[in-house]
Amino acid sequence: MTIEPAGPRRIVISGHARELRLFLVAGEHSGDHLGARLMEAINARQRARVRYLGVGGAEMAARGLASQFPLEEVAVMGPLAVLRRLPQIVRRVYQTVDAAVAAEPDAVVIIDAPEFTHPIARRIRRRQPGIPIIDYVSPSVWAWRPGRARRMRGYIDHVMALLPFEPEAHARLGGPPCTYVGHPLIERLDDIRTADGEGLAARLGLDRAKPVLVVLPGSRGSEVGRLIEPFGAAIAHLVERGLTPEVIVPALPHVRERIEAGVAGWPVRVHLVEGDADRHAAFRRARAALAASGTVTLELALAGTPMVVGYKVDPLAAPLLRRLIRASTVVLPNLVLGENVFREYLQEECTGAALGAALADLMSDGPLRAAQLVALREAPRRMVLAGRAPSEAAADVVLAQIDERRRPATH
């Protein structure tokens, strides 16, 4: 395997360039985005044509993927939605396996959505054990169901991790070889860090004498429904203590109406914004954030925004999740750092009084804020790869796996 030192780096498999056939399987729209960026990076490294087959959405199709069926047929969320479509999803699993075996690809890359992609990978391995299978996005084996890691060795040759602590977790749990390739948010780091917070403040007419608080009650209707009340109570707690912030709530279109109804009774003026640019601008302008647990906490960390995190699940599911979850924290930046710097309040602890008291501490120049500001400088350093974007690092892993499988055995 050779890597050209100048310009876009190209990997020449086994010293020559010949057409590659790759079978990519995405099971949801976030995977479609990851797959599209991976395709771009592989194309930049290959001299010869790459033929893409598999399952993907509009972004992967725009880059040349011939999808077996529309991604929307399997990209469903929630147990009830899955049950309604289960017969169709099962048919699509078997159809995808048949197509992958018939294609005889140089490699299969499954992308996230383990409930859909892992059954496909297991069946491909049974029928064609010689095809390398790479998993792009590790399941959360470090958080719950750790036995999955060891089982994955039977059908996954390599895992490409989005979080820097995941390779160690797979090694500890007996999982497949795992490489940290970086989170896709890193590719947007410049956009996050250069977002125009002052421009947004002027456009919204914010009172510059007041601190700005960004509130992120979730991206799903169920999350908003459970968090909007305690988040509003936390703001009421701040007001009672004499802190009256300007509140910005970034809202996705499909939950905007629900958020608007939920914030109507809050005791402060609330500014709803949409789109990545305004969300990142709000992060940069904010004194602090109150956020639902999830990927958005990594965005806040990359933006350098101090945060308090809250989350609630269905009360009926909470006891089971408590028994299953093994991680010491659900806040991703805490896991990246290896210490619980960012306070989290879960389930019955997620109350207005607790969240409000933590926010008051965070918005003042005290030890909590100072500790978070130190951590916010360190978190991006733990996540950023030297000299490569995540999609480029992922492309290198895929091509190296193909090269390793093609290389003649030495005796």
Protein backbone atom coordinates (compact mmCIF):
# COMPACT_ATOMS: atom_id res chain seq x y z
CA MET A 1 0.00 0.00 0.00
CA THR A 2 1.45 3.35 -1.01
CA ILE A 3 0.34 6.84 -0.06
CA GLU A 4 1.27 9.75 -2.30
CA PRO A 5 2.80 12.51 -0.17
CA ALA A 6 1.43 15.54 -2.01
CA GLY A 7 -2.07 16.62 -2.98
CA PRO A 8 -5.13 14.45 -2.28
CA ARG A 9 -3.76 11.20 -0.89
CA ARG A 10 -4.58 8.12 -2.96
CA ILE A 11 -4.18 4.58 -1.77
CA VAL A 12 -3.13 2.16 -4.49
CA ILE A 13 -4.31 -1.28 -3.56
CA SER A 14 -1.59 -3.93 -3.86
CA GLY A 15 0.55 -1.60 -5.95
CA HIS A 16 -1.96 -1.18 -8.78
CA ALA A 17 -5.23 0.52 -9.48
CA ARG A 18 -8.20 -1.55 -10.55
CA GLU A 19 -11.91 -1.07 -10.23
CA LEU A 20 -13.30 -1.53 -6.73
CA ARG A 21 -16.74 -2.82 -5.88
CA LEU A 22 -17.99 -1.67 -2.49
CA PHE A 23 -21.28 -2.65 -0.89
CA LEU A 24 -22.43 0.02 1.57
CA VAL A 25 -25.45 -0.37 3.85
CA ALA A 26 -26.97 2.61 5.67
CA GLY A 27 -30.10 2.17 7.73
CA GLU A 28 -31.01 5.78 8.49
CA HIS A 29 -30.45 9.31 7.20
CA SER A 30 -27.49 10.12 9.46
CA GLY A 31 -25.81 7.02 8.02
CA ASP A 32 -26.59 8.25 4.52
CA HIS A 33 -24.60 11.41 5.29
CA LEU A 34 -21.67 9.42 6.71
CA GLY A 35 -21.72 7.10 3.72
CA ALA A 36 -21.71 9.98 1.25
CA ARG A 37 -18.65 11.57 2.86
CA LEU A 38 -16.90 8.18 2.93
CA MET A 39 -17.59 7.74 -0.79
CA GLU A 40 -16.12 11.17 -1.54
CA ALA A 41 -12.96 10.32 0.41
CA ILE A 42 -12.53 6.92 -1.24
CA ASN A 43 -12.97 8.46 -4.69
CA ALA A 44 -10.25 10.99 -3.89
CA ARG A 45 -7.85 8.15 -3.04
CA GLN A 46 -8.54 5.80 -5.94
CA ARG A 47 -7.16 6.04 -9.47
CA ALA A 48 -9.64 3.57 -10.86
CA ARG A 49 -13.40 3.65 -10.89
CA VAL A 50 -15.25 2.63 -7.72
CA ARG A 51 -18.61 0.95 -8.15
CA TYR A 52 -20.97 1.43 -5.23
CA LEU A 53 -23.87 -0.88 -4.48
CA GLY A 54 -26.03 -1.38 -1.41
CA VAL A 55 -28.58 0.65 0.52
CA GLY A 56 -28.53 4.40 1.01
CA GLY A 57 -30.43 7.63 0.66
CA ALA A 58 -30.29 10.74 -1.49
CA GLU A 59 -26.78 11.82 -0.48
CA MET A 60 -25.21 8.46 -1.28
CA ALA A 61 -27.20 8.19 -4.50
CA ALA A 62 -25.90 11.59 -5.60
CA ARG A 63 -22.38 10.17 -5.32
CA GLY A 64 -23.07 7.08 -7.36
CA LEU A 65 -24.68 4.48 -5.09
CA ALA A 66 -27.22 2.21 -6.75
CA SER A 67 -29.55 1.56 -3.80
CA GLN A 68 -31.53 -1.67 -3.60
CA PHE A 69 -34.61 0.21 -2.37
CA PRO A 70 -35.50 3.62 -0.89
CA LEU A 71 -33.86 4.22 2.49
CA GLU A 72 -37.18 5.50 3.86
CA GLU A 73 -38.53 1.94 3.85
CA VAL A 74 -36.22 0.94 6.71
CA ALA A 75 -35.29 4.29 8.31
CA VAL A 76 -37.96 4.15 11.00
CA MET A 77 -37.61 5.06 14.67
CA GLY A 78 -39.43 3.85 17.75
CA PRO A 79 -40.68 0.34 18.63
CA LEU A 80 -44.21 0.88 17.33
CA ALA A 81 -43.02 2.16 13.96
CA VAL A 82 -40.62 -0.78 13.66
CA LEU A 83 -43.36 -3.29 14.53
CA ARG A 84 -45.68 -1.85 11.90
CA ARG A 85 -43.03 -2.27 9.22
CA LEU A 86 -41.35 -5.40 10.55
CA PRO A 87 -42.36 -7.79 7.71
CA GLN A 88 -41.10 -5.31 5.12
CA ILE A 89 -37.86 -4.67 7.04
CA VAL A 90 -37.20 -8.43 7.32
CA ARG A 91 -37.73 -8.83 3.56
CA ARG A 92 -35.33 -5.97 2.90
CA VAL A 93 -32.69 -7.55 5.16
CA TYR A 94 -32.75 -10.78 3.13
CA GLN A 95 -32.88 -8.88 -0.16
CA THR A 96 -29.81 -6.89 0.87
CA VAL A 97 -27.91 -10.03 1.87
CA ASP A 98 -28.71 -11.69 -1.48
CA ALA A 99 -27.57 -8.58 -3.36
CA ALA A 100 -24.32 -8.34 -1.40
CA VAL A 101 -23.45 -12.00 -1.98
CA ALA A 102 -24.27 -11.74 -5.69
CA ALA A 103 -22.18 -8.57 -6.09
CA GLU A 104 -19.01 -10.25 -4.78
CA PRO A 105 -17.72 -6.90 -3.49
CA ASP A 106 -14.20 -6.12 -2.36
CA ALA A 107 -15.70 -5.12 1.01
CA VAL A 108 -19.00 -4.51 2.78
CA VAL A 109 -19.34 -1.41 4.96
CA ILE A 110 -22.31 -1.30 7.31
CA ILE A 111 -23.08 2.18 8.62
CA ASP A 112 -24.65 2.62 12.07
CA ALA A 113 -28.30 1.46 12.61
CA PRO A 114 -27.15 -1.85 14.17
CA GLU A 115 -30.68 -3.29 14.45
CA PHE A 116 -30.83 -3.27 10.64
CA THR A 117 -27.20 -3.54 9.53
CA HIS A 118 -25.85 -6.19 11.93
CA PRO A 119 -28.34 -8.92 10.93
CA ILE A 120 -27.25 -8.25 7.34
CA ALA A 121 -23.58 -8.51 8.25
CA ARG A 122 -24.08 -11.78 10.13
CA ARG A 123 -25.85 -13.39 7.16
CA ILE A 124 -23.27 -12.18 4.65
CA ARG A 125 -20.50 -13.64 6.80
CA ARG A 126 -22.23 -17.03 6.95
CA ARG A 127 -22.74 -17.16 3.19
CA GLN A 128 -19.51 -15.50 2.03
CA PRO A 129 -16.91 -15.58 4.81
CA GLY A 130 -14.19 -14.19 2.53
CA ILE A 131 -15.76 -10.73 2.13
CA PRO A 132 -14.28 -8.14 4.55
CA ILE A 133 -17.01 -6.50 6.63
CA ILE A 134 -16.35 -3.12 8.25
CA ASP A 135 -18.68 -1.47 10.77
CA TYR A 136 -18.74 2.32 10.50
CA VAL A 137 -19.97 3.59 13.90
CA SER A 138 -19.53 1.35 16.89
CA PRO A 139 -22.60 0.27 18.84
CA SER A 140 -22.50 1.64 22.38
CA VAL A 141 -20.97 -1.51 23.84
CA TRP A 142 -19.25 0.62 26.49
CA ALA A 143 -22.65 1.79 27.78
CA TRP A 144 -24.91 -1.22 27.63
CA ARG A 145 -25.00 -4.84 26.38
CA PRO A 146 -21.20 -5.16 26.50
CA GLY A 147 -21.42 -8.78 25.34
CA ARG A 148 -22.17 -7.47 21.84
CA ALA A 149 -18.50 -6.56 21.43
CA ARG A 150 -17.28 -10.16 21.65
CA ARG A 151 -20.14 -11.44 19.46
CA MET A 152 -19.21 -8.92 16.76
CA ARG A 153 -15.86 -10.67 16.27
CA GLY A 154 -17.76 -13.42 14.48
CA TYR A 155 -18.95 -11.23 11.63
CA ILE A 156 -17.12 -7.86 11.77
CA ASP A 157 -13.48 -7.56 10.67
CA HIS A 158 -12.95 -3.96 11.77
CA VAL A 159 -14.86 -1.22 13.56
CA MET A 160 -14.47 2.47 12.73
CA ALA A 161 -15.21 4.42 15.90
CA LEU A 162 -16.55 7.97 16.16
CA LEU A 163 -15.45 8.47 19.76
CA PRO A 164 -11.83 8.32 20.94
CA PHE A 165 -12.43 6.00 23.90
CA GLU A 166 -14.16 3.28 21.87
CA PRO A 167 -11.05 1.36 20.62
CA GLU A 168 -10.00 0.74 24.23
CA ALA A 169 -13.54 -0.37 25.08
CA HIS A 170 -13.57 -2.95 22.27
CA ALA A 171 -10.13 -4.23 23.29
CA ARG A 172 -11.25 -4.55 26.91
CA LEU A 173 -14.50 -6.30 25.98
CA GLY A 174 -12.98 -8.68 23.43
CA GLY A 175 -14.47 -6.96 20.41
CA PRO A 176 -13.12 -6.70 16.86
CA PRO A 177 -10.10 -4.53 15.99
CA CYS A 178 -11.23 -0.92 16.25
CA THR A 179 -9.80 2.34 14.93
CA TYR A 180 -10.82 5.84 15.98
CA VAL A 181 -11.57 7.74 12.76
CA GLY A 182 -13.15 10.82 14.31
CA HIS A 183 -16.66 12.16 14.72
CA PRO A 184 -18.26 13.79 11.66
CA LEU A 185 -18.79 16.96 13.71
CA ILE A 186 -15.01 17.52 13.47
CA GLU A 187 -15.43 18.19 9.75
CA ARG A 188 -17.65 21.13 10.73
CA LEU A 189 -15.37 22.43 13.47
CA ASP A 190 -14.41 25.58 11.56
CA ASP A 191 -18.08 26.39 10.90
CA ILE A 192 -18.92 25.88 14.58
CA ARG A 193 -16.04 27.98 15.85
CA THR A 194 -16.51 30.85 13.39
CA ALA A 195 -20.31 31.11 13.71
CA ASP A 196 -21.47 34.72 13.96
CA GLY A 197 -22.82 34.97 17.49
CA GLU A 198 -22.76 38.76 17.50
CA GLY A 199 -24.65 38.91 14.22
CA LEU A 200 -27.33 36.62 15.60
CA ALA A 201 -27.62 38.74 18.76
CA ALA A 202 -28.14 41.87 16.67
CA ARG A 203 -30.69 40.16 14.43
CA LEU A 204 -32.70 38.88 17.40
CA GLY A 205 -32.46 42.18 19.26
CA LEU A 206 -30.95 40.62 22.38
CA ASP A 207 -30.47 42.75 25.47
CA ARG A 208 -26.68 42.83 25.73
CA ALA A 209 -26.88 43.45 29.47
CA LYS A 210 -28.38 39.99 29.97
CA PRO A 211 -26.57 36.65 29.71
CA VAL A 212 -27.62 34.33 26.89
CA LEU A 213 -28.80 30.83 27.70
CA VAL A 214 -29.23 28.26 24.93
CA VAL A 215 -31.87 25.63 25.68
CA LEU A 216 -31.96 22.36 23.73
CA PRO A 217 -34.88 20.15 24.82
CA GLY A 218 -34.27 17.40 22.23
CA SER A 219 -34.73 16.50 18.60
CA ARG A 220 -37.64 14.09 19.03
CA GLY A 221 -41.17 14.83 20.08
CA SER A 222 -40.95 12.40 23.00
CA GLU A 223 -37.80 14.11 24.31
CA VAL A 224 -39.36 17.55 24.06
CA GLY A 225 -42.50 16.30 25.79
CA ARG A 226 -40.53 15.02 28.78
CA LEU A 227 -37.98 17.85 29.07
CA ILE A 228 -39.80 21.07 28.20
CA GLU A 229 -41.44 21.34 31.63
CA PRO A 230 -38.35 20.81 33.85
CA PHE A 231 -36.27 23.00 31.52
CA GLY A 232 -38.85 25.77 31.84
CA ALA A 233 -38.90 25.32 35.62
CA ALA A 234 -35.12 25.67 35.65
CA ILE A 235 -35.39 29.04 33.93
CA ALA A 236 -38.08 30.09 36.42
CA HIS A 237 -35.63 29.15 39.17
CA LEU A 238 -33.00 31.43 37.62
CA VAL A 239 -35.47 34.31 37.45
CA GLU A 240 -36.36 33.82 41.12
CA ARG A 241 -32.66 34.17 41.92
CA GLY A 242 -32.45 37.44 40.02
CA LEU A 243 -30.93 35.99 36.83
CA THR A 244 -33.07 36.77 33.80
CA PRO A 245 -31.34 35.45 30.70
CA GLU A 246 -32.09 35.92 27.05
CA VAL A 247 -33.13 32.43 25.99
CA ILE A 248 -32.45 31.00 22.53
CA VAL A 249 -34.01 27.66 21.59
CA PRO A 250 -32.72 26.05 18.37
CA ALA A 251 -35.60 23.96 17.02
CA LEU A 252 -35.83 21.38 14.27
CA PRO A 253 -38.85 21.93 12.00
CA HIS A 254 -40.63 18.72 13.01
CA VAL A 255 -40.65 19.67 16.72
CA ARG A 256 -40.91 23.44 16.43
CA GLU A 257 -44.67 23.57 17.02
CA ARG A 258 -44.36 21.43 20.13
CA ILE A 259 -41.54 23.61 21.47
CA GLU A 260 -43.49 26.81 20.76
CA ALA A 261 -46.41 25.48 22.80
CA GLY A 262 -44.11 24.37 25.61
CA VAL A 263 -42.22 27.67 25.99
CA ALA A 264 -45.34 29.84 25.86
CA GLY A 265 -45.55 30.02 29.66
CA TRP A 266 -41.86 30.54 30.39
CA PRO A 267 -41.13 33.68 32.44
CA VAL A 268 -38.63 35.09 29.90
CA ARG A 269 -38.56 36.11 26.27
CA VAL A 270 -37.73 33.06 24.12
CA HIS A 271 -36.14 33.27 20.66
CA LEU A 272 -36.65 30.21 18.45
CA VAL A 273 -34.12 29.71 15.65
CA GLU A 274 -33.68 27.06 12.98
CA GLY A 275 -30.77 25.79 10.91
CA ASP A 276 -27.17 24.85 11.66
CA ALA A 277 -25.77 28.35 11.18
CA ASP A 278 -28.09 29.96 13.74
CA ARG A 279 -27.69 27.04 16.16
CA HIS A 280 -23.91 27.33 16.11
CA ALA A 281 -24.13 31.11 16.35
CA ALA A 282 -26.31 30.71 19.45
CA PHE A 283 -23.72 28.36 20.98
CA ARG A 284 -20.95 30.88 20.41
CA ARG A 285 -22.98 33.76 21.88
CA ALA A 286 -24.23 31.83 24.90
CA ARG A 287 -22.96 32.12 28.43
CA ALA A 288 -24.19 28.58 29.04
CA ALA A 289 -26.48 25.87 27.67
CA LEU A 290 -29.16 23.61 29.12
CA ALA A 291 -29.25 20.54 26.89
CA ALA A 292 -30.79 17.14 26.45
CA SER A 293 -28.23 14.35 26.47
CA GLY A 294 -27.05 13.36 22.99
CA THR A 295 -24.81 14.38 20.12
CA VAL A 296 -25.64 18.03 20.69
CA THR A 297 -23.46 17.95 23.82
CA LEU A 298 -20.46 17.21 21.56
CA GLU A 299 -21.43 20.20 19.41
CA LEU A 300 -21.52 22.37 22.51
CA ALA A 301 -18.13 21.07 23.59
CA LEU A 302 -16.61 21.85 20.20
CA ALA A 303 -18.16 25.33 20.32
CA GLY A 304 -16.69 25.89 23.81
CA THR A 305 -20.08 26.37 25.49
CA PRO A 306 -20.42 25.41 29.19
CA MET A 307 -23.42 23.18 29.79
CA VAL A 308 -25.78 21.46 32.18
CA VAL A 309 -27.36 18.27 30.84
CA GLY A 310 -30.73 16.75 31.67
CA TYR A 311 -32.60 13.73 30.37
CA LYS A 312 -35.68 11.65 31.00
CA VAL A 313 -36.93 8.44 29.46
CA ASP A 314 -40.32 6.78 29.75
CA PRO A 315 -40.80 5.96 33.46
CA LEU A 316 -41.67 2.36 32.59
CA ALA A 317 -38.35 1.92 30.76
CA ALA A 318 -36.18 3.64 33.37
CA PRO A 319 -35.69 0.66 35.77
CA LEU A 320 -34.60 -1.61 32.90
CA LEU A 321 -32.19 0.97 31.49
CA ARG A 322 -30.65 1.48 34.93
CA ARG A 323 -29.84 -2.23 35.06
CA LEU A 324 -28.47 -2.31 31.52
CA ILE A 325 -26.37 0.85 31.34
CA ARG A 326 -22.79 0.33 32.54
CA ALA A 327 -21.29 3.75 31.80
CA SER A 328 -20.62 6.19 34.63
CA THR A 329 -22.15 9.05 32.61
CA VAL A 330 -24.40 9.56 29.60
CA VAL A 331 -22.77 12.88 28.63
CA LEU A 332 -20.52 12.27 25.63
CA PRO A 333 -17.96 15.01 26.43
CA ASN A 334 -17.54 13.47 29.90
CA LEU A 335 -16.78 10.13 28.25
CA VAL A 336 -14.33 11.76 25.85
CA LEU A 337 -12.51 13.41 28.76
CA GLY A 338 -12.67 10.44 31.10
CA GLU A 339 -14.11 12.54 33.94
CA ASN A 340 -17.54 13.89 34.82
CA VAL A 341 -16.96 17.61 34.37
CA PHE A 342 -20.36 18.45 32.90
CA ARG A 343 -23.20 17.97 35.39
CA GLU A 344 -26.02 15.67 34.40
CA TYR A 345 -29.46 15.24 35.95
CA LEU A 346 -31.35 12.13 34.92
CA GLN A 347 -34.89 10.92 35.45
CA GLU A 348 -36.22 11.93 38.90
CA GLU A 349 -33.15 14.16 39.44
CA CYS A 350 -34.04 16.15 36.33
CA THR A 351 -36.05 18.82 38.15
CA GLY A 352 -36.32 22.55 37.72
CA ALA A 353 -34.73 23.21 41.09
CA ALA A 354 -31.70 20.98 40.45
CA LEU A 355 -31.16 22.19 36.88
CA GLY A 356 -31.69 25.82 37.86
CA ALA A 357 -29.22 25.65 40.75
CA ALA A 358 -26.58 24.08 38.50
CA LEU A 359 -27.16 26.72 35.82
CA ALA A 360 -26.84 29.51 38.38
CA ASP A 361 -23.47 28.09 39.46
CA LEU A 362 -22.37 27.74 35.87
CA MET A 363 -23.34 31.24 34.77
CA SER A 364 -21.35 32.86 37.57
CA ASP A 365 -17.55 33.06 37.58
CA GLY A 366 -17.09 30.26 40.09
CA PRO A 367 -15.19 26.96 40.25
CA LEU A 368 -17.76 25.00 38.21
CA ARG A 369 -17.46 27.38 35.27
CA ALA A 370 -13.67 27.50 35.55
CA ALA A 371 -13.44 23.69 35.49
CA GLN A 372 -15.71 23.45 32.45
CA LEU A 373 -13.74 26.08 30.53
CA VAL A 374 -10.56 24.05 31.06
CA ALA A 375 -12.36 20.89 29.90
CA LEU A 376 -13.78 22.68 26.87
CA ARG A 377 -10.27 23.47 25.71
CA GLU A 378 -9.20 19.85 26.11
CA ALA A 379 -12.20 18.05 24.56
CA PRO A 380 -11.55 19.15 20.95
CA ARG A 381 -7.89 18.16 21.29
CA ARG A 382 -8.99 14.64 22.28
CA MET A 383 -11.27 14.41 19.24
CA VAL A 384 -9.38 16.05 16.38
CA LEU A 385 -7.18 13.87 14.16
CA ALA A 386 -3.84 15.25 13.03
CA GLY A 387 -3.89 16.11 9.34
CA ARG A 388 -7.01 14.15 8.34
CA ALA A 389 -10.74 14.64 8.30
CA PRO A 390 -12.84 11.79 9.74
CA SER A 391 -14.10 10.71 6.31
CA GLU A 392 -10.51 10.52 5.07
CA ALA A 393 -9.44 8.42 8.06
CA ALA A 394 -12.43 6.12 7.46
CA ALA A 395 -11.54 5.75 3.78
CA ASP A 396 -8.00 4.77 4.74
CA VAL A 397 -9.30 2.02 7.03
CA VAL A 398 -11.63 0.61 4.37
CA LEU A 399 -8.93 0.57 1.70
CA ALA A 400 -6.38 -0.93 4.09
CA GLN A 401 -8.81 -3.75 4.91
CA ILE A 402 -9.25 -4.47 1.21
CA ASP A 403 -5.50 -4.35 0.65
CA GLU A 404 -4.89 -6.74 3.55
CA ARG A 405 -7.44 -9.24 2.22
CA ARG A 406 -6.03 -9.06 -1.33
CA ARG A 407 -2.38 -9.30 -0.34
CA PRO A 408 -1.01 -12.76 -1.18
CA ALA A 409 -0.28 -14.91 1.85
CA THR A 410 3.39 -15.41 2.64
CA HIS A 411 4.74 -18.72 3.87
